[in-house]
N, C-alpha and C. Protein backbone atom coordinates (compact mmCIF):
# COMPACT_ATOMS: atom_id res chain seq x y z
N UNK A 1 13.60 29.29 14.58
CA UNK A 1 12.51 28.36 14.41
C UNK A 1 13.04 26.94 14.62
N UNK A 2 12.34 26.14 15.39
CA UNK A 2 12.76 24.76 15.66
C UNK A 2 12.13 23.82 14.65
N UNK A 3 12.50 22.57 14.74
CA UNK A 3 11.96 21.56 13.85
C UNK A 3 13.02 21.03 12.90
N UNK A 4 12.56 20.20 11.99
CA UNK A 4 13.47 19.53 11.06
C UNK A 4 13.25 20.02 9.64
N UNK A 5 14.30 19.96 8.85
CA UNK A 5 14.18 20.22 7.42
C UNK A 5 13.53 19.00 6.77
N UNK A 6 13.12 19.14 5.54
CA UNK A 6 12.51 18.02 4.83
C UNK A 6 13.49 16.85 4.71
N UNK A 7 14.75 17.15 4.46
CA UNK A 7 15.76 16.10 4.36
C UNK A 7 15.97 15.37 5.67
N UNK A 8 15.95 16.11 6.77
CA UNK A 8 16.12 15.48 8.09
C UNK A 8 14.94 14.56 8.41
N UNK A 9 13.73 15.02 8.15
CA UNK A 9 12.55 14.19 8.41
C UNK A 9 12.62 12.93 7.54
N UNK A 10 12.91 13.12 6.26
CA UNK A 10 12.97 11.99 5.34
C UNK A 10 14.00 10.96 5.80
N UNK A 11 15.18 11.41 6.15
CA UNK A 11 16.24 10.51 6.59
C UNK A 11 15.84 9.77 7.87
N UNK A 12 15.31 10.50 8.84
CA UNK A 12 14.93 9.87 10.12
C UNK A 12 13.76 8.89 9.96
N UNK A 13 12.87 9.18 9.00
CA UNK A 13 11.70 8.33 8.81
C UNK A 13 11.94 7.21 7.80
N UNK A 14 13.09 7.27 7.10
CA UNK A 14 13.41 6.22 6.15
C UNK A 14 12.66 6.34 4.83
N UNK A 15 12.35 7.56 4.42
CA UNK A 15 11.70 7.80 3.13
C UNK A 15 12.52 8.84 2.38
N UNK A 16 12.12 9.15 1.15
CA UNK A 16 12.81 10.23 0.47
C UNK A 16 11.98 11.50 0.55
N UNK A 17 12.57 12.60 0.18
CA UNK A 17 11.91 13.90 0.30
C UNK A 17 10.65 13.97 -0.55
N UNK A 18 10.67 13.34 -1.72
CA UNK A 18 9.49 13.36 -2.59
C UNK A 18 8.32 12.63 -1.93
N UNK A 19 8.60 11.58 -1.19
CA UNK A 19 7.54 10.87 -0.47
C UNK A 19 6.90 11.79 0.55
N UNK A 20 7.71 12.54 1.24
CA UNK A 20 7.20 13.47 2.24
C UNK A 20 6.35 14.56 1.57
N UNK A 21 6.81 15.08 0.46
CA UNK A 21 6.02 16.09 -0.28
C UNK A 21 4.69 15.48 -0.75
N UNK A 22 4.74 14.23 -1.20
CA UNK A 22 3.53 13.55 -1.64
C UNK A 22 2.55 13.40 -0.48
N UNK A 23 3.03 13.00 0.68
CA UNK A 23 2.17 12.89 1.86
C UNK A 23 1.54 14.23 2.21
N UNK A 24 2.27 15.29 2.02
CA UNK A 24 1.71 16.63 2.25
C UNK A 24 0.57 16.89 1.27
N UNK A 25 0.81 16.62 -0.02
CA UNK A 25 -0.23 16.86 -1.03
C UNK A 25 -1.47 16.01 -0.77
N UNK A 26 -1.27 14.81 -0.23
CA UNK A 26 -2.38 13.91 0.08
C UNK A 26 -3.01 14.22 1.44
N UNK A 27 -2.46 15.21 2.12
CA UNK A 27 -2.93 15.66 3.44
C UNK A 27 -2.81 14.58 4.52
N UNK A 28 -1.79 13.74 4.37
CA UNK A 28 -1.46 12.77 5.41
C UNK A 28 -0.56 13.42 6.45
N UNK A 29 0.22 14.39 6.01
CA UNK A 29 1.12 15.16 6.86
C UNK A 29 0.77 16.63 6.65
N UNK A 30 0.66 17.36 7.74
CA UNK A 30 0.32 18.78 7.64
C UNK A 30 1.46 19.56 6.99
N UNK A 31 1.09 20.57 6.22
CA UNK A 31 2.11 21.45 5.64
C UNK A 31 2.78 22.18 6.80
N UNK A 32 4.10 22.15 6.84
CA UNK A 32 4.80 22.77 7.97
C UNK A 32 4.95 24.28 7.76
N UNK A 33 5.23 24.97 8.85
CA UNK A 33 5.54 26.40 8.69
C UNK A 33 6.86 26.55 7.94
N UNK A 34 7.06 27.71 7.37
CA UNK A 34 8.28 27.97 6.61
C UNK A 34 9.09 29.06 7.30
N UNK A 35 10.38 28.98 7.07
CA UNK A 35 11.29 29.99 7.63
C UNK A 35 11.22 31.25 6.76
N UNK A 36 11.90 32.28 7.19
CA UNK A 36 11.97 33.51 6.41
C UNK A 36 12.60 33.25 5.04
N UNK A 37 13.46 32.25 4.97
CA UNK A 37 14.09 31.87 3.70
C UNK A 37 13.22 30.89 2.91
N UNK A 38 12.00 30.64 3.37
CA UNK A 38 11.01 29.79 2.72
C UNK A 38 11.33 28.29 2.78
N UNK A 39 12.12 27.87 3.77
CA UNK A 39 12.38 26.45 3.98
C UNK A 39 11.31 25.87 4.89
N UNK A 40 10.92 24.63 4.59
CA UNK A 40 9.97 23.94 5.47
C UNK A 40 10.69 23.59 6.78
N UNK A 41 9.98 23.73 7.89
CA UNK A 41 10.49 23.29 9.20
C UNK A 41 9.40 22.44 9.84
N UNK A 42 9.63 21.13 9.79
CA UNK A 42 8.64 20.18 10.28
C UNK A 42 8.73 20.02 11.79
N UNK A 43 7.59 19.90 12.45
CA UNK A 43 7.63 19.58 13.88
C UNK A 43 8.24 18.21 14.11
N UNK A 44 8.80 18.00 15.28
CA UNK A 44 9.47 16.73 15.59
C UNK A 44 8.54 15.54 15.46
N UNK A 45 7.25 15.71 15.72
CA UNK A 45 6.29 14.61 15.66
C UNK A 45 6.09 14.10 14.23
N UNK A 46 6.51 14.85 13.22
CA UNK A 46 6.33 14.44 11.83
C UNK A 46 7.06 13.14 11.53
N UNK A 47 8.23 12.96 12.09
CA UNK A 47 8.99 11.72 11.86
C UNK A 47 8.16 10.53 12.34
N UNK A 48 7.60 10.63 13.50
CA UNK A 48 6.77 9.55 14.05
C UNK A 48 5.55 9.29 13.17
N UNK A 49 4.94 10.37 12.69
CA UNK A 49 3.76 10.23 11.85
C UNK A 49 4.10 9.56 10.51
N UNK A 50 5.22 9.91 9.92
CA UNK A 50 5.62 9.29 8.66
C UNK A 50 5.94 7.81 8.89
N UNK A 51 6.57 7.48 9.98
CA UNK A 51 6.84 6.07 10.30
C UNK A 51 5.54 5.30 10.48
N UNK A 52 4.55 5.93 11.11
CA UNK A 52 3.22 5.35 11.29
C UNK A 52 2.61 5.04 9.91
N UNK A 53 2.68 6.00 9.00
CA UNK A 53 2.12 5.85 7.66
C UNK A 53 2.81 4.69 6.94
N UNK A 54 4.14 4.65 6.98
CA UNK A 54 4.89 3.59 6.30
C UNK A 54 4.56 2.22 6.88
N UNK A 55 4.44 2.13 8.18
CA UNK A 55 4.12 0.84 8.81
C UNK A 55 2.72 0.38 8.41
N UNK A 56 1.77 1.31 8.39
CA UNK A 56 0.41 0.96 7.97
C UNK A 56 0.39 0.51 6.51
N UNK A 57 1.19 1.15 5.67
CA UNK A 57 1.29 0.73 4.27
C UNK A 57 1.87 -0.68 4.17
N UNK A 58 2.88 -0.98 4.98
CA UNK A 58 3.48 -2.31 4.99
C UNK A 58 2.45 -3.38 5.34
N UNK A 59 1.47 -3.01 6.13
CA UNK A 59 0.42 -3.95 6.54
C UNK A 59 -0.74 -3.97 5.56
N UNK A 60 -0.59 -3.25 4.44
CA UNK A 60 -1.59 -3.33 3.38
C UNK A 60 -2.65 -2.25 3.37
N UNK A 61 -2.54 -1.29 4.27
CA UNK A 61 -3.55 -0.22 4.28
C UNK A 61 -3.28 0.76 3.15
N UNK A 62 -4.35 1.19 2.49
CA UNK A 62 -4.24 2.20 1.44
C UNK A 62 -4.06 3.57 2.08
N UNK A 63 -3.67 4.54 1.28
CA UNK A 63 -3.52 5.89 1.83
C UNK A 63 -4.85 6.43 2.34
N UNK A 64 -5.93 6.07 1.67
CA UNK A 64 -7.26 6.49 2.13
C UNK A 64 -7.57 5.89 3.50
N UNK A 65 -7.25 4.63 3.67
CA UNK A 65 -7.48 3.98 4.96
C UNK A 65 -6.56 4.56 6.03
N UNK A 66 -5.35 4.92 5.64
CA UNK A 66 -4.41 5.52 6.60
C UNK A 66 -4.92 6.88 7.04
N UNK A 67 -5.52 7.64 6.13
CA UNK A 67 -6.13 8.91 6.51
C UNK A 67 -7.18 8.69 7.59
N UNK A 68 -7.98 7.64 7.41
CA UNK A 68 -8.98 7.31 8.43
C UNK A 68 -8.33 6.98 9.76
N UNK A 69 -7.27 6.15 9.71
CA UNK A 69 -6.56 5.79 10.94
C UNK A 69 -5.99 7.02 11.64
N UNK A 70 -5.41 7.92 10.85
CA UNK A 70 -4.84 9.14 11.43
C UNK A 70 -5.93 10.02 12.03
N UNK A 71 -7.07 10.09 11.37
CA UNK A 71 -8.19 10.89 11.89
C UNK A 71 -8.71 10.29 13.20
N UNK A 72 -8.81 8.97 13.23
CA UNK A 72 -9.26 8.30 14.46
C UNK A 72 -8.25 8.55 15.58
N UNK A 73 -6.99 8.51 15.22
CA UNK A 73 -5.91 8.68 16.20
C UNK A 73 -5.98 10.02 16.94
N UNK A 74 -6.39 11.07 16.23
CA UNK A 74 -6.40 12.40 16.86
C UNK A 74 -7.78 12.82 17.37
N UNK A 75 -8.81 12.06 17.04
CA UNK A 75 -10.16 12.41 17.46
C UNK A 75 -10.42 11.92 18.88
N UNK A 76 -10.65 12.84 19.81
CA UNK A 76 -10.88 12.42 21.19
C UNK A 76 -12.19 11.64 21.37
N UNK A 77 -13.09 11.73 20.41
CA UNK A 77 -14.36 11.01 20.49
C UNK A 77 -14.26 9.59 19.91
N UNK A 78 -13.14 9.28 19.26
CA UNK A 78 -13.02 7.97 18.63
C UNK A 78 -12.74 6.90 19.66
N UNK A 79 -12.86 5.68 19.21
CA UNK A 79 -12.79 4.53 20.10
C UNK A 79 -11.96 3.44 19.43
N UNK A 80 -11.41 2.55 20.21
CA UNK A 80 -10.66 1.41 19.67
C UNK A 80 -11.53 0.58 18.72
N UNK A 81 -12.82 0.57 18.93
CA UNK A 81 -13.72 -0.18 18.06
C UNK A 81 -13.66 0.35 16.63
N UNK A 82 -13.42 1.64 16.48
CA UNK A 82 -13.31 2.23 15.14
C UNK A 82 -12.08 1.67 14.42
N UNK A 83 -10.98 1.56 15.13
CA UNK A 83 -9.75 1.01 14.56
C UNK A 83 -9.94 -0.47 14.27
N UNK A 84 -10.55 -1.16 15.20
CA UNK A 84 -10.75 -2.60 15.04
C UNK A 84 -11.62 -2.89 13.82
N UNK A 85 -12.60 -2.06 13.56
CA UNK A 85 -13.46 -2.24 12.40
C UNK A 85 -12.64 -2.13 11.10
N UNK A 86 -11.74 -1.15 11.04
CA UNK A 86 -10.87 -1.03 9.87
C UNK A 86 -9.98 -2.25 9.71
N UNK A 87 -9.44 -2.74 10.82
CA UNK A 87 -8.57 -3.92 10.77
C UNK A 87 -9.35 -5.15 10.33
N UNK A 88 -10.56 -5.31 10.83
CA UNK A 88 -11.39 -6.45 10.41
C UNK A 88 -11.67 -6.40 8.92
N UNK A 89 -11.93 -5.21 8.40
CA UNK A 89 -12.15 -5.06 6.96
C UNK A 89 -10.91 -5.44 6.17
N UNK A 90 -9.75 -5.02 6.66
CA UNK A 90 -8.49 -5.34 6.00
C UNK A 90 -8.24 -6.85 6.05
N UNK A 91 -8.51 -7.47 7.19
CA UNK A 91 -8.34 -8.92 7.30
C UNK A 91 -9.23 -9.67 6.32
N UNK A 92 -10.48 -9.23 6.19
CA UNK A 92 -11.41 -9.87 5.25
C UNK A 92 -10.90 -9.75 3.82
N UNK A 93 -10.38 -8.59 3.47
CA UNK A 93 -9.84 -8.39 2.12
C UNK A 93 -8.62 -9.28 1.88
N UNK A 94 -7.76 -9.41 2.88
CA UNK A 94 -6.58 -10.27 2.77
C UNK A 94 -6.99 -11.73 2.61
N UNK A 95 -7.97 -12.16 3.39
CA UNK A 95 -8.44 -13.55 3.29
C UNK A 95 -8.99 -13.83 1.89
N UNK A 96 -9.72 -12.87 1.32
CA UNK A 96 -10.24 -13.04 -0.04
C UNK A 96 -9.10 -13.13 -1.05
N UNK A 97 -8.08 -12.30 -0.89
CA UNK A 97 -6.93 -12.35 -1.79
C UNK A 97 -6.22 -13.70 -1.69
N UNK A 98 -6.11 -14.22 -0.47
CA UNK A 98 -5.46 -15.52 -0.28
C UNK A 98 -6.26 -16.61 -1.00
N UNK A 99 -7.59 -16.58 -0.88
CA UNK A 99 -8.41 -17.57 -1.57
C UNK A 99 -8.23 -17.45 -3.09
N UNK A 100 -8.19 -16.23 -3.58
CA UNK A 100 -8.00 -16.01 -5.01
C UNK A 100 -6.63 -16.53 -5.46
N UNK A 101 -5.60 -16.25 -4.69
CA UNK A 101 -4.25 -16.71 -5.03
C UNK A 101 -4.15 -18.23 -5.00
N UNK A 102 -4.81 -18.88 -4.05
CA UNK A 102 -4.80 -20.35 -4.00
C UNK A 102 -5.47 -20.92 -5.24
N UNK A 103 -6.58 -20.32 -5.64
CA UNK A 103 -7.28 -20.80 -6.85
C UNK A 103 -6.40 -20.60 -8.08
N UNK A 104 -5.72 -19.46 -8.17
CA UNK A 104 -4.82 -19.21 -9.30
C UNK A 104 -3.68 -20.22 -9.31
N UNK A 105 -3.12 -20.49 -8.15
CA UNK A 105 -2.02 -21.46 -8.06
C UNK A 105 -2.47 -22.85 -8.52
N UNK A 106 -3.66 -23.24 -8.12
CA UNK A 106 -4.18 -24.55 -8.49
C UNK A 106 -4.34 -24.66 -10.01
N UNK A 107 -4.91 -23.63 -10.63
CA UNK A 107 -5.10 -23.63 -12.08
C UNK A 107 -3.76 -23.64 -12.80
N UNK A 108 -2.86 -22.77 -12.36
CA UNK A 108 -1.54 -22.71 -13.02
C UNK A 108 -0.76 -24.00 -12.85
N UNK A 109 -0.89 -24.66 -11.73
CA UNK A 109 -0.21 -25.96 -11.53
C UNK A 109 -0.75 -26.99 -12.50
N UNK A 110 -2.07 -27.00 -12.71
CA UNK A 110 -2.66 -27.93 -13.68
C UNK A 110 -2.16 -27.62 -15.09
N UNK A 111 -2.08 -26.35 -15.42
CA UNK A 111 -1.60 -25.96 -16.75
C UNK A 111 -0.13 -26.37 -16.92
N UNK A 112 0.66 -26.18 -15.90
CA UNK A 112 2.07 -26.55 -15.95
C UNK A 112 2.21 -28.05 -16.19
N UNK A 113 1.41 -28.83 -15.51
CA UNK A 113 1.44 -30.28 -15.67
C UNK A 113 0.98 -30.70 -17.06
N UNK A 114 0.01 -29.98 -17.62
CA UNK A 114 -0.54 -30.33 -18.94
C UNK A 114 0.41 -30.02 -20.08
N UNK A 115 1.37 -29.15 -19.87
CA UNK A 115 2.28 -28.74 -20.94
C UNK A 115 3.51 -29.64 -20.98
N UNK A 116 3.81 -30.21 -22.14
CA UNK A 116 4.99 -31.07 -22.22
C UNK A 116 6.30 -30.27 -22.20
N UNK A 117 6.22 -28.98 -22.45
CA UNK A 117 7.43 -28.16 -22.43
C UNK A 117 8.27 -28.28 -23.69
N UNK A 118 7.69 -28.83 -24.73
CA UNK A 118 8.40 -28.94 -26.01
C UNK A 118 7.36 -28.92 -27.12
N UNK A 119 7.82 -28.69 -28.32
CA UNK A 119 6.92 -28.65 -29.47
C UNK A 119 6.56 -27.21 -29.82
N UNK A 120 5.79 -27.05 -30.89
CA UNK A 120 5.45 -25.70 -31.34
C UNK A 120 4.48 -25.03 -30.38
N UNK A 121 4.62 -23.72 -30.27
CA UNK A 121 3.73 -22.97 -29.39
C UNK A 121 2.28 -23.03 -29.87
N UNK A 122 2.10 -23.28 -31.16
CA UNK A 122 0.73 -23.38 -31.69
C UNK A 122 -0.02 -24.58 -31.11
N UNK A 123 0.70 -25.52 -30.54
CA UNK A 123 0.08 -26.70 -29.92
C UNK A 123 0.19 -26.66 -28.40
N UNK A 124 0.49 -25.51 -27.85
CA UNK A 124 0.70 -25.41 -26.40
C UNK A 124 -0.64 -25.42 -25.65
N UNK A 125 -0.84 -26.37 -24.76
CA UNK A 125 -2.10 -26.43 -24.03
C UNK A 125 -2.31 -25.24 -23.09
N UNK A 126 -1.24 -24.64 -22.66
CA UNK A 126 -1.38 -23.46 -21.79
C UNK A 126 -1.98 -22.31 -22.60
N UNK A 127 -1.41 -22.03 -23.77
CA UNK A 127 -1.94 -20.96 -24.60
C UNK A 127 -3.37 -21.26 -25.03
N UNK A 128 -3.65 -22.52 -25.35
CA UNK A 128 -5.01 -22.91 -25.73
C UNK A 128 -6.01 -22.64 -24.61
N UNK A 129 -5.59 -22.83 -23.39
CA UNK A 129 -6.51 -22.64 -22.26
C UNK A 129 -6.91 -21.17 -22.07
N UNK A 130 -6.10 -20.26 -22.62
CA UNK A 130 -6.41 -18.83 -22.49
C UNK A 130 -7.41 -18.35 -23.54
N UNK A 131 -7.65 -19.19 -24.56
CA UNK A 131 -8.57 -18.82 -25.63
C UNK A 131 -10.01 -18.94 -25.13
N UNK A 132 -10.85 -18.00 -25.53
CA UNK A 132 -12.27 -18.14 -25.21
C UNK A 132 -12.80 -19.40 -25.90
N UNK A 133 -13.76 -20.04 -25.31
CA UNK A 133 -14.30 -21.29 -25.86
C UNK A 133 -14.74 -21.10 -27.31
N UNK A 134 -14.32 -22.04 -28.15
CA UNK A 134 -14.77 -22.07 -29.53
C UNK A 134 -14.01 -21.18 -30.48
N UNK A 135 -13.07 -20.39 -30.01
CA UNK A 135 -12.33 -19.53 -30.91
C UNK A 135 -10.98 -20.15 -31.21
N UNK A 136 -10.56 -20.02 -32.43
CA UNK A 136 -9.24 -20.55 -32.83
C UNK A 136 -8.23 -19.41 -32.80
N UNK A 137 -6.97 -19.80 -32.60
CA UNK A 137 -5.89 -18.81 -32.64
C UNK A 137 -5.60 -18.41 -34.05
């Protein structure tokens, strides 16, 4: 029987064996045939598929979104527009996160400036700002 062992696929794809097993359970990678000794023997294309999954994760795609990408990839009826729609959705989510992070940075910078960095914590303006209005610590 040809193909790679789980360790070989993991090493070539830059993941560990447990990651590969997890991808199998999540149905991102097909369960491979087994040898008479019950060892997994992965097709050579599995390494490429795992690298695809890892790269998509690096770009912020969830495993659910990666399943969609993989399904589009093998569907002869699919179109580049399907992939582009997923990417546009991901870009919109990233832009929203950036706006949220900028707002957080602005608030935290103001809090940092407001705190003298000395004195009792009971008088800390940063801690006070976390209190709901009208409630005392």
